[in-house]
C-alpha atoms as a PDB file:
ATOM      1  CA  UNK A   1      53.811  47.351 -37.090  1.00  0.00           C
ATOM      2  CA  UNK A   2      56.447  47.271 -34.345  1.00  0.00           C
ATOM      3  CA  UNK A   3      55.466  45.725 -31.014  1.00  0.00           C
ATOM      4  CA  UNK A   4      55.283  47.985 -27.957  1.00  0.00           C
ATOM      5  CA  UNK A   5      58.428  46.310 -26.578  1.00  0.00           C
ATOM      6  CA  UNK A   6      60.399  46.987 -29.749  1.00  0.00           C
ATOM      7  CA  UNK A   7      58.988  50.498 -29.819  1.00  0.00           C
ATOM      8  CA  UNK A   8      60.435  51.123 -26.375  1.00  0.00           C
ATOM      9  CA  UNK A   9      63.847  49.836 -27.407  1.00  0.00           C
ATOM     10  CA  UNK A  10      63.818  52.059 -30.470  1.00  0.00           C
ATOM     11  CA  UNK A  11      62.635  55.027 -28.441  1.00  0.00           C
ATOM     12  CA  UNK A  12      65.415  54.585 -25.880  1.00  0.00           C
ATOM     13  CA  UNK A  13      67.796  55.234 -28.751  1.00  0.00           C
ATOM     14  CA  UNK A  14      65.814  57.954 -30.465  1.00  0.00           C
ATOM     15  CA  UNK A  15      64.958  59.933 -27.354  1.00  0.00           C
ATOM     16  CA  UNK A  16      68.441  61.258 -26.653  1.00  0.00           C
ATOM     17  CA  UNK A  17      69.999  61.118 -30.061  1.00  0.00           C
ATOM     18  CA  UNK A  18      67.371  62.974 -32.063  1.00  0.00           C
ATOM     19  CA  UNK A  19      68.301  66.488 -31.107  1.00  0.00           C
ATOM     20  CA  UNK A  20      68.733  69.727 -32.951  1.00  0.00           C
ATOM     21  CA  UNK A  21      71.960  70.677 -31.226  1.00  0.00           C
ATOM     22  CA  UNK A  22      74.270  72.126 -33.863  1.00  0.00           C
ATOM     23  CA  UNK A  23      77.185  69.712 -33.556  1.00  0.00           C
ATOM     24  CA  UNK A  24      75.224  66.487 -33.184  1.00  0.00           C
ATOM     25  CA  UNK A  25      74.859  64.203 -36.180  1.00  0.00           C
ATOM     26  CA  UNK A  26      73.259  60.835 -36.966  1.00  0.00           C
ATOM     27  CA  UNK A  27      76.552  59.900 -38.587  1.00  0.00           C
ATOM     28  CA  UNK A  28      78.734  61.059 -35.720  1.00  0.00           C
ATOM     29  CA  UNK A  29      80.315  57.628 -35.175  1.00  0.00           C
ATOM     30  CA  UNK A  30      80.187  56.389 -38.758  1.00  0.00           C
ATOM     31  CA  UNK A  31      83.814  57.160 -39.541  1.00  0.00           C
ATOM     32  CA  UNK A  32      85.433  56.956 -36.104  1.00  0.00           C
ATOM     33  CA  UNK A  33      83.811  53.656 -35.063  1.00  0.00           C
ATOM     34  CA  UNK A  34      81.002  52.244 -37.220  1.00  0.00           C
ATOM     35  CA  UNK A  35      80.859  49.094 -35.071  1.00  0.00           C
ATOM     36  CA  UNK A  36      79.870  51.037 -31.942  1.00  0.00           C
ATOM     37  CA  UNK A  37      76.113  51.230 -32.349  1.00  0.00           C
ATOM     38  CA  UNK A  38      75.511  47.559 -33.223  1.00  0.00           C
ATOM     39  CA  UNK A  39      77.598  46.574 -30.190  1.00  0.00           C
ATOM     40  CA  UNK A  40      75.573  48.816 -27.885  1.00  0.00           C
ATOM     41  CA  UNK A  41      72.300  47.508 -29.240  1.00  0.00           C
ATOM     42  CA  UNK A  42      73.356  43.910 -28.682  1.00  0.00           C
ATOM     43  CA  UNK A  43      74.283  44.487 -25.037  1.00  0.00           C
ATOM     44  CA  UNK A  44      71.135  46.466 -24.204  1.00  0.00           C
ATOM     45  CA  UNK A  45      68.833  43.901 -25.779  1.00  0.00           C
ATOM     46  CA  UNK A  46      70.616  41.104 -23.909  1.00  0.00           C
ATOM     47  CA  UNK A  47      70.282  42.990 -20.617  1.00  0.00           C
ATOM     48  CA  UNK A  48      66.543  43.557 -21.142  1.00  0.00           C
ATOM     49  CA  UNK A  49      66.112  39.919 -22.150  1.00  0.00           C
ATOM     50  CA  UNK A  50      67.778  38.791 -18.898  1.00  0.00           C
ATOM     51  CA  UNK A  51      65.681  41.162 -16.802  1.00  0.00           C
ATOM     52  CA  UNK A  52      62.656  42.859 -18.349  1.00  0.00           C
ATOM     53  CA  UNK A  53      62.759  45.487 -15.604  1.00  0.00           C
ATOM     54  CA  UNK A  54      66.081  46.732 -16.964  1.00  0.00           C
ATOM     55  CA  UNK A  55      64.387  48.629 -19.788  1.00  0.00           C
ATOM     56  CA  UNK A  56      62.589  50.785 -17.236  1.00  0.00           C
ATOM     57  CA  UNK A  57      65.754  51.192 -15.172  1.00  0.00           C
ATOM     58  CA  UNK A  58      67.789  52.472 -18.125  1.00  0.00           C
ATOM     59  CA  UNK A  59      64.969  54.783 -19.171  1.00  0.00           C
ATOM     60  CA  UNK A  60      64.819  56.219 -15.647  1.00  0.00           C
ATOM     61  CA  UNK A  61      68.589  56.735 -15.555  1.00  0.00           C
ATOM     62  CA  UNK A  62      68.424  58.843 -18.696  1.00  0.00           C
ATOM     63  CA  UNK A  63      65.489  60.852 -17.341  1.00  0.00           C
ATOM     64  CA  UNK A  64      67.263  61.540 -14.045  1.00  0.00           C
ATOM     65  CA  UNK A  65      70.431  62.488 -15.894  1.00  0.00           C
ATOM     66  CA  UNK A  66      68.745  65.006 -18.186  1.00  0.00           C
ATOM     67  CA  UNK A  67      66.880  66.780 -15.372  1.00  0.00           C
ATOM     68  CA  UNK A  68      70.131  67.755 -13.616  1.00  0.00           C
ATOM     69  CA  UNK A  69      72.331  70.097 -15.678  1.00  0.00           C
ATOM     70  CA  UNK A  70      71.286  68.493 -18.941  1.00  0.00           C
ATOM     71  CA  UNK A  71      71.950  65.097 -20.544  1.00  0.00           C
ATOM     72  CA  UNK A  72      75.647  64.852 -19.701  1.00  0.00           C
ATOM     73  CA  UNK A  73      76.148  61.546 -17.903  1.00  0.00           C
ATOM     74  CA  UNK A  74      76.554  63.234 -14.524  1.00  0.00           C
ATOM     75  CA  UNK A  75      74.257  60.694 -12.850  1.00  0.00           C
ATOM     76  CA  UNK A  76      76.870  58.004 -13.498  1.00  0.00           C
ATOM     77  CA  UNK A  77      79.663  59.630 -11.487  1.00  0.00           C
ATOM     78  CA  UNK A  78      80.605  58.087  -8.140  1.00  0.00           C
ATOM     79  CA  UNK A  79      81.363  60.215  -5.083  1.00  0.00           C
ATOM     80  CA  UNK A  80      84.903  61.525  -4.582  1.00  0.00           C
ATOM     81  CA  UNK A  81      86.490  64.188  -2.414  1.00  0.00           C
ATOM     82  CA  UNK A  82      85.256  66.781  -4.917  1.00  0.00           C
ATOM     83  CA  UNK A  83      82.083  65.151  -6.275  1.00  0.00           C
ATOM     84  CA  UNK A  84      78.889  64.615  -4.281  1.00  0.00           C
ATOM     85  CA  UNK A  85      77.350  61.906  -6.422  1.00  0.00           C
ATOM     86  CA  UNK A  86      73.827  62.284  -7.773  1.00  0.00           C
ATOM     87  CA  UNK A  87      73.468  58.573  -7.028  1.00  0.00           C
ATOM     88  CA  UNK A  88      73.002  59.613  -3.398  1.00  0.00           C
ATOM     89  CA  UNK A  89      70.151  62.040  -4.136  1.00  0.00           C
ATOM     90  CA  UNK A  90      66.817  61.187  -2.543  1.00  0.00           C
ATOM     91  CA  UNK A  91      65.308  60.128  -5.868  1.00  0.00           C
ATOM     92  CA  UNK A  92      68.253  57.873  -6.711  1.00  0.00           C
ATOM     93  CA  UNK A  93      69.701  56.343  -3.551  1.00  0.00           C
ATOM     94  CA  UNK A  94      68.908  52.627  -3.287  1.00  0.00           C
ATOM     95  CA  UNK A  95      66.707  53.126  -6.324  1.00  0.00           C
ATOM     96  CA  UNK A  96      68.619  54.095  -9.476  1.00  0.00           C
ATOM     97  CA  UNK A  97      69.987  50.983 -11.155  1.00  0.00           C
ATOM     98  CA  UNK A  98      71.447  49.702 -14.401  1.00  0.00           C
ATOM     99  CA  UNK A  99      74.904  51.143 -13.843  1.00  0.00           C
ATOM    100  CA  UNK A 100      76.523  47.770 -14.450  1.00  0.00           C
ATOM    101  CA  UNK A 101      74.912  47.616 -17.898  1.00  0.00           C
ATOM    102  CA  UNK A 102      76.375  51.024 -18.751  1.00  0.00           C
ATOM    103  CA  UNK A 103      79.774  49.798 -17.515  1.00  0.00           C
ATOM    104  CA  UNK A 104      79.519  46.702 -19.686  1.00  0.00           C
ATOM    105  CA  UNK A 105      78.622  48.753 -22.743  1.00  0.00           C
ATOM    106  CA  UNK A 106      81.473  51.169 -22.128  1.00  0.00           C
ATOM    107  CA  UNK A 107      84.050  48.382 -21.756  1.00  0.00           C
ATOM    108  CA  UNK A 108      82.871  46.565 -24.859  1.00  0.00           C
ATOM    109  CA  UNK A 109      82.465  49.576 -27.124  1.00  0.00           C
ATOM    110  CA  UNK A 110      85.880  51.018 -26.184  1.00  0.00           C
ATOM    111  CA  UNK A 111      87.427  47.626 -26.903  1.00  0.00           C
ATOM    112  CA  UNK A 112      85.743  47.452 -30.286  1.00  0.00           C
ATOM    113  CA  UNK A 113      86.646  51.036 -31.156  1.00  0.00           C
ATOM    114  CA  UNK A 114      90.200  50.711 -29.865  1.00  0.00           C
ATOM    115  CA  UNK A 115      89.886  53.798 -27.654  1.00  0.00           C
ATOM    116  CA  UNK A 116      87.255  55.865 -25.807  1.00  0.00           C
ATOM    117  CA  UNK A 117      85.093  57.242 -28.610  1.00  0.00           C
ATOM    118  CA  UNK A 118      81.475  56.947 -27.497  1.00  0.00           C
ATOM    119  CA  UNK A 119      80.582  59.147 -24.529  1.00  0.00           C
ATOM    120  CA  UNK A 120      78.898  57.820 -21.437  1.00  0.00           C
ATOM    121  CA  UNK A 121      76.162  60.409 -22.030  1.00  0.00           C
ATOM    122  CA  UNK A 122      75.383  58.866 -25.429  1.00  0.00           C
ATOM    123  CA  UNK A 123      75.555  55.345 -24.008  1.00  0.00           C
ATOM    124  CA  UNK A 124      73.167  56.308 -21.237  1.00  0.00           C
ATOM    125  CA  UNK A 125      70.576  57.328 -23.775  1.00  0.00           C
ATOM    126  CA  UNK A 126      70.960  54.326 -26.075  1.00  0.00           C
ATOM    127  CA  UNK A 127      68.663  51.356 -25.965  1.00  0.00           C
ATOM    128  CA  UNK A 128      69.353  49.743 -29.329  1.00  0.00           C
ATOM    129  CA  UNK A 129      70.438  51.933 -32.254  1.00  0.00           C
ATOM    130  CA  UNK A 130      67.799  51.488 -34.925  1.00  0.00           C
ATOM    131  CA  UNK A 131      66.687  54.932 -36.048  1.00  0.00           C
ATOM    132  CA  UNK A 132      68.644  57.647 -37.832  1.00  0.00           C
ATOM    133  CA  UNK A 133      69.185  60.011 -34.945  1.00  0.00           C
ATOM    134  CA  UNK A 134      71.885  62.434 -33.892  1.00  0.00           C
ATOM    135  CA  UNK A 135      74.911  61.598 -31.761  1.00  0.00           C
ATOM    136  CA  UNK A 136      77.908  63.368 -30.322  1.00  0.00           C
ATOM    137  CA  UNK A 137      77.257  64.143 -26.676  1.00  0.00           C
ATOM    138  CA  UNK A 138      80.162  64.585 -24.312  1.00  0.00           C
ATOM    139  CA  UNK A 139      80.471  63.824 -20.625  1.00  0.00           C
ATOM    140  CA  UNK A 140      80.416  66.224 -17.690  1.00  0.00           C
ATOM    141  CA  UNK A 141      83.271  66.497 -15.230  1.00  0.00           C
ATOM    142  CA  UNK A 142      80.978  67.375 -12.333  1.00  0.00           C
ATOM    143  CA  UNK A 143      77.826  66.183 -10.602  1.00  0.00           C
ATOM    144  CA  UNK A 144      75.547  67.693  -7.966  1.00  0.00           C
ATOM    145  CA  UNK A 145      73.494  65.817  -5.420  1.00  0.00           C
ATOM    146  CA  UNK A 146      72.119  69.164  -4.219  1.00  0.00           C
ATOM    147  CA  UNK A 147      70.770  69.989  -7.677  1.00  0.00           C
ATOM    148  CA  UNK A 148      69.416  66.480  -8.091  1.00  0.00           C
ATOM    149  CA  UNK A 149      67.514  66.818  -4.815  1.00  0.00           C
ATOM    150  CA  UNK A 150      66.018  70.126  -5.923  1.00  0.00           C
ATOM    151  CA  UNK A 151      65.316  69.365  -9.598  1.00  0.00           C
ATOM    152  CA  UNK A 152      64.164  65.748  -9.814  1.00  0.00           C
ATOM    153  CA  UNK A 153      60.380  65.420  -9.487  1.00  0.00           C
ATOM    154  CA  UNK A 154      59.076  63.767  -6.341  1.00  0.00           C
ATOM    155  CA  UNK A 155      56.532  60.917  -6.346  1.00  0.00           C
ATOM    156  CA  UNK A 156      54.542  63.026  -3.871  1.00  0.00           C
ATOM    157  CA  UNK A 157      54.131  66.100  -6.095  1.00  0.00           C
ATOM    158  CA  UNK A 158      50.689  67.450  -6.966  1.00  0.00           C
ATOM    159  CA  UNK A 159      49.820  68.677 -10.454  1.00  0.00           C
ATOM    160  CA  UNK A 160      50.856  72.351 -10.064  1.00  0.00           C
ATOM    161  CA  UNK A 161      54.235  71.268  -8.671  1.00  0.00           C
ATOM    162  CA  UNK A 162      54.732  68.798 -11.513  1.00  0.00           C
ATOM    163  CA  UNK A 163      53.825  71.367 -14.151  1.00  0.00           C
ATOM    164  CA  UNK A 164      56.285  73.846 -12.675  1.00  0.00           C
ATOM    165  CA  UNK A 165      59.000  71.219 -12.322  1.00  0.00           C
ATOM    166  CA  UNK A 166      58.752  70.246 -15.986  1.00  0.00           C
ATOM    167  CA  UNK A 167      58.418  73.869 -17.093  1.00  0.00           C
ATOM    168  CA  UNK A 168      61.803  74.550 -15.507  1.00  0.00           C
ATOM    169  CA  UNK A 169      63.212  71.936 -17.892  1.00  0.00           C
ATOM    170  CA  UNK A 170      61.584  73.562 -20.925  1.00  0.00           C
ATOM    171  CA  UNK A 171      58.840  70.940 -21.007  1.00  0.00           C
ATOM    172  CA  UNK A 172      55.104  71.621 -21.221  1.00  0.00           C
ATOM    173  CA  UNK A 173      52.046  69.817 -19.865  1.00  0.00           C
ATOM    174  CA  UNK A 174      51.836  67.486 -22.836  1.00  0.00           C
ATOM    175  CA  UNK A 175      55.463  66.504 -22.258  1.00  0.00           C
ATOM    176  CA  UNK A 176      54.678  65.966 -18.577  1.00  0.00           C
ATOM    177  CA  UNK A 177      51.849  63.529 -19.269  1.00  0.00           C
ATOM    178  CA  UNK A 178      53.647  61.742 -22.100  1.00  0.00           C
ATOM    179  CA  UNK A 179      56.877  61.299 -20.156  1.00  0.00           C
ATOM    180  CA  UNK A 180      54.984  60.157 -17.071  1.00  0.00           C
ATOM    181  CA  UNK A 181      53.744  57.382 -19.322  1.00  0.00           C
ATOM    182  CA  UNK A 182      57.199  55.873 -18.921  1.00  0.00           C
ATOM    183  CA  UNK A 183      55.694  54.473 -15.725  1.00  0.00           C
ATOM    184  CA  UNK A 184      53.931  51.948 -17.918  1.00  0.00           C
ATOM    185  CA  UNK A 185      56.999  49.804 -17.237  1.00  0.00           C
ATOM    186  CA  UNK A 186      58.861  49.163 -14.030  1.00  0.00           C
ATOM    187  CA  UNK A 187      58.312  48.926 -10.299  1.00  0.00           C
ATOM    188  CA  UNK A 188      58.195  51.282  -7.316  1.00  0.00           C
ATOM    189  CA  UNK A 189      59.282  50.836  -3.714  1.00  0.00           C
ATOM    190  CA  UNK A 190      56.749  50.828  -0.881  1.00  0.00           C
ATOM    191  CA  UNK A 191      58.024  54.016   0.751  1.00  0.00           C
ATOM    192  CA  UNK A 192      57.198  55.991  -2.404  1.00  0.00           C
ATOM    193  CA  UNK A 193      53.495  55.085  -2.402  1.00  0.00           C
ATOM    194  CA  UNK A 194      52.693  54.216   1.235  1.00  0.00           C
ATOM    195  CA  UNK A 195      51.053  57.563   1.973  1.00  0.00           C
ATOM    196  CA  UNK A 196      48.766  57.228  -1.047  1.00  0.00           C
ATOM    197  CA  UNK A 197      47.487  53.715  -0.348  1.00  0.00           C
ATOM    198  CA  UNK A 198      46.749  54.493   3.310  1.00  0.00           C
ATOM    199  CA  UNK A 199      45.636  58.132   3.240  1.00  0.00           C
ATOM    200  CA  UNK A 200      44.447  59.157  -0.232  1.00  0.00           C
ATOM    201  CA  UNK A 201      40.759  59.671  -0.974  1.00  0.00           C
ATOM    202  CA  UNK A 202      41.115  59.661  -4.779  1.00  0.00           C
ATOM    203  CA  UNK A 203      42.022  55.982  -4.924  1.00  0.00           C
ATOM    204  CA  UNK A 204      40.179  52.813  -5.860  1.00  0.00           C
ATOM    205  CA  UNK A 205      39.542  51.024  -2.559  1.00  0.00           C
ATOM    206  CA  UNK A 206      40.173  47.527  -3.930  1.00  0.00           C
ATOM    207  CA  UNK A 207      43.429  48.703  -5.451  1.00  0.00           C
ATOM    208  CA  UNK A 208      44.549  50.297  -2.177  1.00  0.00           C
ATOM    209  CA  UNK A 209      43.768  47.098  -0.298  1.00  0.00           C
ATOM    210  CA  UNK A 210      45.722  45.046  -2.816  1.00  0.00           C
ATOM    211  CA  UNK A 211      48.813  47.248  -2.486  1.00  0.00           C
ATOM    212  CA  UNK A 212      48.624  47.299   1.318  1.00  0.00           C
ATOM    213  CA  UNK A 213      49.126  43.532   1.311  1.00  0.00           C
ATOM    214  CA  UNK A 214      52.785  44.008   0.392  1.00  0.00           C
ATOM    215  CA  UNK A 215      53.336  47.526   1.755  1.00  0.00           C
ATOM    216  CA  UNK A 216      52.660  47.717   5.510  1.00  0.00           C
ATOM    217  CA  UNK A 217      52.251  50.967   7.425  1.00  0.00           C
ATOM    218  CA  UNK A 218      55.595  50.338   9.113  1.00  0.00           C
ATOM    219  CA  UNK A 219      58.557  48.538   7.559  1.00  0.00           C
ATOM    220  CA  UNK A 220      58.932  46.961   4.151  1.00  0.00           C
ATOM    221  CA  UNK A 221      60.143  50.227   2.636  1.00  0.00           C
ATOM    222  CA  UNK A 222      61.907  48.498  -0.242  1.00  0.00           C
ATOM    223  CA  UNK A 223      59.067  46.102  -1.077  1.00  0.00           C
ATOM    224  CA  UNK A 224      58.235  46.435  -4.761  1.00  0.00           C
ATOM    225  CA  UNK A 225      54.942  46.911  -6.583  1.00  0.00           C
ATOM    226  CA  UNK A 226      54.318  47.288 -10.328  1.00  0.00           C
ATOM    227  CA  UNK A 227      53.538  50.781 -11.608  1.00  0.00           C
ATOM    228  CA  UNK A 228      50.777  49.178 -13.652  1.00  0.00           C
ATOM    229  CA  UNK A 229      49.531  45.632 -14.151  1.00  0.00           C
ATOM    230  CA  UNK A 230      51.860  45.009 -17.126  1.00  0.00           C
ATOM    231  CA  UNK A 231      55.217  46.260 -15.769  1.00  0.00           C
ATOM    232  CA  UNK A 232      57.280  44.615 -18.512  1.00  0.00           C
ATOM    233  CA  UNK A 233      55.134  45.821 -21.410  1.00  0.00           C
ATOM    234  CA  UNK A 234      55.199  49.287 -22.947  1.00  0.00           C
ATOM    235  CA  UNK A 235      51.469  49.930 -23.345  1.00  0.00           C
ATOM    236  CA  UNK A 236      48.727  52.287 -22.168  1.00  0.00           C
ATOM    237  CA  UNK A 237      47.687  50.392 -19.029  1.00  0.00           C
ATOM    238  CA  UNK A 238      49.231  53.168 -16.945  1.00  0.00           C
ATOM    239  CA  UNK A 239      46.755  55.715 -18.288  1.00  0.00           C
ATOM    240  CA  UNK A 240      43.811  53.324 -18.097  1.00  0.00           C
ATOM    241  CA  UNK A 241      44.664  52.859 -14.432  1.00  0.00           C
ATOM    242  CA  UNK A 242      44.661  56.597 -13.791  1.00  0.00           C
ATOM    243  CA  UNK A 243      41.142  56.899 -15.191  1.00  0.00           C
ATOM    244  CA  UNK A 244      40.091  54.176 -12.734  1.00  0.00           C
ATOM    245  CA  UNK A 245      41.893  55.888  -9.793  1.00  0.00           C
ATOM    246  CA  UNK A 246      44.467  53.107  -9.702  1.00  0.00           C
ATOM    247  CA  UNK A 247      47.576  55.257 -10.052  1.00  0.00           C
ATOM    248  CA  UNK A 248      50.292  53.973  -7.720  1.00  0.00           C
ATOM    249  CA  UNK A 249      52.073  57.219  -6.911  1.00  0.00           C
ATOM    250  CA  UNK A 250      50.566  60.505  -5.785  1.00  0.00           C
ATOM    251  CA  UNK A 251      52.299  62.141  -8.753  1.00  0.00           C
ATOM    252  CA  UNK A 252      50.718  59.570 -11.087  1.00  0.00           C
ATOM    253  CA  UNK A 253      47.119  60.091  -9.994  1.00  0.00           C
ATOM    254  CA  UNK A 254      47.689  63.865  -9.957  1.00  0.00           C
ATOM    255  CA  UNK A 255      47.559  63.710 -13.751  1.00  0.00           C
ATOM    256  CA  UNK A 256      43.917  62.597 -13.591  1.00  0.00           C
ATOM    257  CA  UNK A 257      42.272  64.305 -10.681  1.00  0.00           C
ATOM    258  CA  UNK A 258      39.985  66.976 -12.098  1.00  0.00           C
ATOM    259  CA  UNK A 259      42.828  69.094 -13.464  1.00  0.00           C
ATOM    260  CA  UNK A 260      44.085  70.422 -16.779  1.00  0.00           C
ATOM    261  CA  UNK A 261      45.705  67.138 -17.843  1.00  0.00           C
ATOM    262  CA  UNK A 262      42.628  64.912 -17.483  1.00  0.00           C
ATOM    263  CA  UNK A 263      41.659  65.029 -21.140  1.00  0.00           C
ATOM    264  CA  UNK A 264      45.120  64.081 -22.344  1.00  0.00           C
ATOM    265  CA  UNK A 265      45.216  61.118 -19.954  1.00  0.00           C
ATOM    266  CA  UNK A 266      41.886  59.958 -21.422  1.00  0.00           C
ATOM    267  CA  UNK A 267      43.261  60.371 -24.952  1.00  0.00           C
ATOM    268  CA  UNK A 268      46.342  58.298 -24.222  1.00  0.00           C
ATOM    269  CA  UNK A 269      44.312  55.630 -22.417  1.00  0.00           C
ATOM    270  CA  UNK A 270      42.353  54.884 -25.578  1.00  0.00           C
ATOM    271  CA  UNK A 271      44.831  55.795 -28.324  1.00  0.00           C
ATOM    272  CA  UNK A 272      48.152  53.924 -27.985  1.00  0.00           C
ATOM    273  CA  UNK A 273      49.600  55.336 -31.203  1.00  0.00           C
ATOM    274  CA  UNK A 274      49.014  58.913 -30.052  1.00  0.00           C
ATOM    275  CA  UNK A 275      50.770  58.137 -26.774  1.00  0.00           C
ATOM    276  CA  UNK A 276      53.713  56.371 -28.418  1.00  0.00           C
ATOM    277  CA  UNK A 277      54.251  59.226 -30.865  1.00  0.00           C
ATOM    278  CA  UNK A 278      54.006  61.891 -28.157  1.00  0.00           C
ATOM    279  CA  UNK A 279      56.255  59.902 -25.829  1.00  0.00           C
ATOM    280  CA  UNK A 280      58.974  59.724 -28.468  1.00  0.00           C
ATOM    281  CA  UNK A 281      58.663  63.440 -29.280  1.00  0.00           C
ATOM    282  CA  UNK A 282      58.817  64.426 -25.625  1.00  0.00           C
ATOM    283  CA  UNK A 283      61.805  62.199 -24.954  1.00  0.00           C
ATOM    284  CA  UNK A 284      63.614  63.773 -27.889  1.00  0.00           C
ATOM    285  CA  UNK A 285      62.726  67.217 -26.561  1.00  0.00           C
ATOM    286  CA  UNK A 286      64.039  66.303 -23.123  1.00  0.00           C
ATOM    287  CA  UNK A 287      67.136  64.833 -24.743  1.00  0.00           C
ATOM    288  CA  UNK A 288      67.873  68.239 -26.284  1.00  0.00           C
ATOM    289  CA  UNK A 289      68.417  69.578 -22.781  1.00  0.00           C
ATOM    290  CA  UNK A 290      71.832  71.275 -22.713  1.00  0.00           C
ATOM    291  CA  UNK A 291      74.057  68.546 -24.190  1.00  0.00           C
ATOM    292  CA  UNK A 292      77.801  69.090 -23.978  1.00  0.00           C
ATOM    293  CA  UNK A 293      79.323  69.102 -27.469  1.00  0.00           C
ATOM    294  CA  UNK A 294      82.488  70.079 -29.313  1.00  0.00           C
ATOM    295  CA  UNK A 295      85.269  70.739 -26.830  1.00  0.00           C
ATOM    296  CA  UNK A 296      82.963  70.867 -23.827  1.00  0.00           C
ATOM    297  CA  UNK A 297      83.374  68.200 -21.188  1.00  0.00           C
ATOM    298  CA  UNK A 298      85.231  65.003 -22.076  1.00  0.00           C
ATOM    299  CA  UNK A 299      84.824  61.420 -23.241  1.00  0.00           C
ATOM    300  CA  UNK A 300      85.221  59.471 -20.014  1.00  0.00           C
ATOM    301  CA  UNK A 301      87.343  56.337 -19.943  1.00  0.00           C
ATOM    302  CA  UNK A 302      85.313  55.071 -16.993  1.00  0.00           C
ATOM    303  CA  UNK A 303      81.715  56.255 -16.785  1.00  0.00           C
ATOM    304  CA  UNK A 304      81.928  56.321 -13.001  1.00  0.00           C
ATOM    305  CA  UNK A 305      84.751  58.863 -12.757  1.00  0.00           C
ATOM    306  CA  UNK A 306      86.296  61.796 -14.589  1.00  0.00           C
ATOM    307  CA  UNK A 307      89.541  61.437 -16.530  1.00  0.00           C
ATOM    308  CA  UNK A 308      91.927  62.656 -13.857  1.00  0.00           C
END
C-alpha cells in the first residue's frame, strides 16, 4: 500500500492529466519526447525532498490556475503592459509560490526534448508521472487578475459561498470537501486566520490561544501556522481537526459547522481511503476544467511569458 506522501505525489500527476478531453492522451508525449515525464518526476521529488512544504505549494498553484479560465497555465504569467498577472491577485500575492520549480522543470525538459514540447499547463499539474493519465494541455496567452480576484475562493467564505463558488466551476459539495482536504498539507499566513482566532465562537479555545501566540492582533501578517498538526503529511488530520473545532481558516471550519457537509467531514476523518479516493477523483474533475488543446493557445518557451 502506497504511503500518504507517495499518494500525494501520484495524485499531483493524476489530478490534471486524467481528463476526458477529446484530444488528451496518456501517450501524448510518448513519441515526441518519452524522456519528459521521468525528468519532471525527478525534479518534483527533489524539490519536495528539499522542502516538504513545496508539495502543498505546487498543489495550490494548480488549484489556483484551474479556477481562473481553466487549467491553462495562466497563473504563471508575469505582468506586462498587456497582462495583469494573476500572481498579483489577493489570493496569490506574497502567497503563491513554487514558480522557480516550474521554471527549473521547463528548462530541463525542453533541454532533454530538444525543443519546447511539454506545456507549462501540463508541468504545473505534474508531481511525478506514475499513473497512466492523459496529457496534451496547451498554454494560455492571457491572464486576468480581475477574474482571479472574483473566482478564487476566500479563506473567509462561509459554507453557502463556498458551495456556490465551487458550483461555478462545475464542482459539487463532495468535490468541495474533498478538495479542501488539500489543506492537510501546508501553512497559512496570520492575516488569513486572524479574525477566526480572535473573534470566532465555533473554535476550540485552547487551539485559538495556541495560534494567537504567533499571530498577534496587530502586525505579524506573514507569520505562518500549519493548516493541521502534520503539515508535511498527506493524511486526515485536517478533517479530525474540523470535528474538534480546530480548523484554522473560517472557510475550513465552515465545512463542519452544523451544515450539509458535516457528515462527509466525519466520514473523511475516520476513513482515509475514502478521502484519498475522493480527493483524486475531484482533482481529476477539476483538472478537466476547460483545457486548451489542439491548436488553441501555445506551448510557451518561458512559462512566465507568452511567445511574442
